[in-house]
Amino acid sequence: MISYRPFYNTLYKKGVTEYALIYKFGIPSNTIHRMKHGKPITTTTLDTLCGILECRVEDILEYIPPEDV
């Protein structure tokens, strides 16, 4: 299972809001919605978020093995 929990920690550390991602950086609100609900996003979106937040992929998502869910 993919978890976006690190994404929200990174947003907090960087002082960036979801509002800024949508209205300043042009991230579709549907993408934020998908992440909130644990749905998949594209690697292009991951690349864009890493660029905006100046972070690594591990700062946006983590893999949780099925036995740990």
C-alpha atoms as a PDB file:
ATOM      1  CA  MET A   1       0.000   0.000   0.000  1.00  0.00           C
ATOM      2  CA  ILE A   2       1.225   3.490  -0.827  1.00  0.00           C
ATOM      3  CA  SER A   3       0.771   6.142   1.856  1.00  0.00           C
ATOM      4  CA  TYR A   4       1.068   9.882   1.289  1.00  0.00           C
ATOM      5  CA  ARG A   5       1.550  10.610   5.005  1.00  0.00           C
ATOM      6  CA  PRO A   6       5.093  11.927   4.386  1.00  0.00           C
ATOM      7  CA  PHE A   7       3.639  14.442   1.900  1.00  0.00           C
ATOM      8  CA  TYR A   8       1.633  16.204   4.584  1.00  0.00           C
ATOM      9  CA  ASN A   9       4.627  16.253   6.942  1.00  0.00           C
ATOM     10  CA  THR A  10       6.726  17.774   4.142  1.00  0.00           C
ATOM     11  CA  LEU A  11       4.082  20.405   3.387  1.00  0.00           C
ATOM     12  CA  TYR A  12       4.107  21.404   7.047  1.00  0.00           C
ATOM     13  CA  LYS A  13       7.917  21.536   7.253  1.00  0.00           C
ATOM     14  CA  LYS A  14       8.168  23.606   4.067  1.00  0.00           C
ATOM     15  CA  GLY A  15       5.334  25.932   5.064  1.00  0.00           C
ATOM     16  CA  VAL A  16       3.353  25.196   1.899  1.00  0.00           C
ATOM     17  CA  THR A  17      -0.422  24.824   1.954  1.00  0.00           C
ATOM     18  CA  GLU A  18      -2.676  22.770  -0.278  1.00  0.00           C
ATOM     19  CA  TYR A  19      -4.190  26.088  -1.369  1.00  0.00           C
ATOM     20  CA  ALA A  20      -0.764  27.278  -2.587  1.00  0.00           C
ATOM     21  CA  LEU A  21      -0.169  24.018  -4.458  1.00  0.00           C
ATOM     22  CA  ILE A  22      -3.463  24.458  -6.280  1.00  0.00           C
ATOM     23  CA  TYR A  23      -3.578  28.202  -6.909  1.00  0.00           C
ATOM     24  CA  LYS A  24       0.091  29.219  -6.986  1.00  0.00           C
ATOM     25  CA  PHE A  25       1.714  26.130  -8.496  1.00  0.00           C
ATOM     26  CA  GLY A  26      -1.171  24.789 -10.600  1.00  0.00           C
ATOM     27  CA  ILE A  27      -1.513  21.333  -9.047  1.00  0.00           C
ATOM     28  CA  PRO A  28      -5.048  20.118  -9.868  1.00  0.00           C
ATOM     29  CA  SER A  29      -7.319  19.940  -6.821  1.00  0.00           C
ATOM     30  CA  ASN A  30      -8.286  16.448  -7.987  1.00  0.00           C
ATOM     31  CA  THR A  31      -4.677  15.356  -7.437  1.00  0.00           C
ATOM     32  CA  ILE A  32      -4.753  16.572  -3.833  1.00  0.00           C
ATOM     33  CA  HIS A  33      -8.099  14.802  -3.376  1.00  0.00           C
ATOM     34  CA  ARG A  34      -6.644  11.565  -4.776  1.00  0.00           C
ATOM     35  CA  MET A  35      -3.690  11.757  -2.412  1.00  0.00           C
ATOM     36  CA  LYS A  36      -5.928  12.391   0.603  1.00  0.00           C
ATOM     37  CA  HIS A  37      -7.819   9.216  -0.246  1.00  0.00           C
ATOM     38  CA  GLY A  38      -4.752   7.065  -0.974  1.00  0.00           C
ATOM     39  CA  LYS A  39      -5.401   6.850  -4.714  1.00  0.00           C
ATOM     40  CA  PRO A  40      -2.570   6.572  -7.258  1.00  0.00           C
ATOM     41  CA  ILE A  41      -0.941   9.591  -8.882  1.00  0.00           C
ATOM     42  CA  THR A  42       1.457   9.697 -11.836  1.00  0.00           C
ATOM     43  CA  THR A  43       5.227   9.782 -11.661  1.00  0.00           C
ATOM     44  CA  THR A  44       5.017  13.083 -13.549  1.00  0.00           C
ATOM     45  CA  THR A  45       2.984  14.496 -10.669  1.00  0.00           C
ATOM     46  CA  LEU A  46       5.509  13.116  -8.173  1.00  0.00           C
ATOM     47  CA  ASP A  47       8.296  14.793 -10.130  1.00  0.00           C
ATOM     48  CA  THR A  48       6.396  18.098 -10.141  1.00  0.00           C
ATOM     49  CA  LEU A  49       5.708  17.937  -6.402  1.00  0.00           C
ATOM     50  CA  CYS A  50       9.358  17.118  -5.676  1.00  0.00           C
ATOM     51  CA  GLY A  51      10.376  20.150  -7.725  1.00  0.00           C
ATOM     52  CA  ILE A  52       7.937  22.473  -5.994  1.00  0.00           C
ATOM     53  CA  LEU A  53       8.780  21.238  -2.505  1.00  0.00           C
ATOM     54  CA  GLU A  54      12.490  20.721  -3.244  1.00  0.00           C
ATOM     55  CA  CYS A  55      12.374  17.264  -1.730  1.00  0.00           C
ATOM     56  CA  ARG A  56      12.873  13.587  -2.514  1.00  0.00           C
ATOM     57  CA  VAL A  57      10.192  11.053  -3.462  1.00  0.00           C
ATOM     58  CA  GLU A  58      10.487   9.533   0.030  1.00  0.00           C
ATOM     59  CA  ASP A  59       9.319  12.885   1.395  1.00  0.00           C
ATOM     60  CA  ILE A  60       6.029  12.473  -0.491  1.00  0.00           C
ATOM     61  CA  LEU A  61       5.130   8.794  -0.248  1.00  0.00           C
ATOM     62  CA  GLU A  62       6.022   5.591   1.510  1.00  0.00           C
ATOM     63  CA  TYR A  63       5.341   1.935   0.862  1.00  0.00           C
ATOM     64  CA  ILE A  64       3.604   0.041   3.633  1.00  0.00           C
ATOM     65  CA  PRO A  65       3.697  -3.755   3.223  1.00  0.00           C
ATOM     66  CA  PRO A  66       0.254  -5.458   3.308  1.00  0.00           C
ATOM     67  CA  GLU A  67       1.043  -7.266   6.559  1.00  0.00           C
ATOM     68  CA  ASP A  68       1.590  -3.885   8.262  1.00  0.00           C
ATOM     69  CA  VAL A  69      -1.743  -2.370   7.192  1.00  0.00           C
END
